[in-house]
Amino acid sequence: MATFILKAALVSGTLSDNNIGRAQFVRIVAQAQAVITVKNSDGDTLGTTQLYAAGDEITIEKAPGDTISSSANVSATAVAPRS
């Protein structure tokens, strides 16, 4: 299991073009099956992935201006990897 430094407060619910405090690394935990989409500051989709069940998690690296959207409720936190 990776260790992370928490950088901001938790954001929860269905995300809509949220930059999560302009974080570079975001840890997302699904509260239900969810599709996660990352877009750049121009609104172009950079990538999409799916979390299949509640409790599934992913850590995404993104540019500060990139945004994250989800199709269902998730918990998202700005983090920094511990080296």
Protein backbone atom coordinates (compact mmCIF):
# COMPACT_ATOMS: atom_id res chain seq x y z
CA MET A 1 0.00 0.00 0.00
CA ALA A 2 1.35 3.43 -0.96
CA THR A 3 1.72 6.23 1.58
CA PHE A 4 0.38 9.70 0.77
CA ILE A 5 0.49 13.12 2.39
CA LEU A 6 -2.97 14.69 2.63
CA LYS A 7 -2.94 18.17 1.04
CA ALA A 8 -6.55 19.38 1.36
CA ALA A 9 -10.00 18.60 2.68
CA LEU A 10 -12.08 15.75 1.29
CA VAL A 11 -14.48 16.51 -1.58
CA SER A 12 -17.39 14.08 -1.86
CA GLY A 13 -20.38 13.58 -4.12
CA THR A 14 -20.72 13.45 -7.87
CA LEU A 15 -17.84 15.53 -9.27
CA SER A 16 -18.42 17.93 -12.16
CA ASP A 17 -15.31 19.51 -13.72
CA ASN A 18 -13.65 19.89 -10.31
CA ASN A 19 -9.92 20.63 -10.19
CA ILE A 20 -9.76 19.45 -6.54
CA GLY A 21 -7.96 22.58 -5.35
CA ARG A 22 -5.64 22.52 -8.39
CA ALA A 23 -4.03 19.36 -6.99
CA GLN A 24 -1.46 17.46 -9.03
CA PHE A 25 -2.29 14.11 -7.40
CA VAL A 26 -5.85 13.13 -6.45
CA ARG A 27 -6.89 9.98 -4.60
CA ILE A 28 -10.43 8.91 -5.48
CA VAL A 29 -12.48 6.27 -3.65
CA ALA A 30 -15.76 5.11 -5.20
CA GLN A 31 -18.94 5.08 -3.14
CA ALA A 32 -20.59 3.10 -5.97
CA GLN A 33 -19.69 2.08 -9.52
CA ALA A 34 -18.42 5.24 -11.24
CA VAL A 35 -16.83 6.43 -14.47
CA ILE A 36 -14.04 8.97 -13.85
CA THR A 37 -13.16 11.49 -16.58
CA VAL A 38 -10.15 13.85 -16.62
CA LYS A 39 -10.30 16.93 -18.87
CA ASN A 40 -7.73 19.64 -19.59
CA SER A 41 -8.40 23.34 -19.03
CA ASP A 42 -9.84 23.60 -22.57
CA GLY A 43 -12.45 20.93 -21.74
CA ASP A 44 -10.85 18.25 -23.91
CA THR A 45 -11.09 14.73 -22.46
CA LEU A 46 -7.64 13.41 -21.55
CA GLY A 47 -8.77 10.05 -20.21
CA THR A 48 -11.55 7.99 -18.71
CA THR A 49 -11.53 5.03 -16.35
CA GLN A 50 -14.07 3.06 -14.37
CA LEU A 51 -14.23 2.13 -10.71
CA TYR A 52 -16.39 -0.98 -10.53
CA ALA A 53 -17.58 -1.09 -6.93
CA ALA A 54 -17.78 0.86 -3.70
CA GLY A 55 -14.34 0.98 -2.10
CA ASP A 56 -12.42 0.80 -5.39
CA GLU A 57 -9.72 3.48 -5.44
CA ILE A 58 -7.32 5.16 -7.82
CA THR A 59 -4.73 7.91 -7.56
CA ILE A 60 -4.63 10.19 -10.60
CA GLU A 61 -1.77 12.48 -11.60
CA LYS A 62 -2.99 15.57 -13.45
CA ALA A 63 -1.97 19.13 -14.27
CA PRO A 64 -3.26 21.77 -11.80
CA GLY A 65 -5.80 23.12 -14.32
CA ASP A 66 -7.14 19.69 -15.31
CA THR A 67 -10.56 18.76 -13.94
CA ILE A 68 -12.16 15.53 -12.78
CA SER A 69 -15.78 14.45 -13.23
CA SER A 70 -17.53 11.32 -11.97
CA SER A 71 -20.75 9.60 -12.98
CA ALA A 72 -21.60 8.70 -9.35
CA ASN A 73 -20.66 9.60 -5.80
CA VAL A 74 -16.96 9.43 -4.95
CA SER A 75 -14.63 10.82 -2.30
CA ALA A 76 -11.66 12.77 -3.66
CA THR A 77 -8.67 14.18 -1.77
CA ALA A 78 -5.64 16.13 -2.95
CA VAL A 79 -2.55 14.13 -1.98
CA ALA A 80 1.19 14.05 -2.53
CA PRO A 81 3.10 10.79 -2.81
CA ARG A 82 5.59 10.12 -0.04
CA SER A 83 8.96 9.20 -1.46
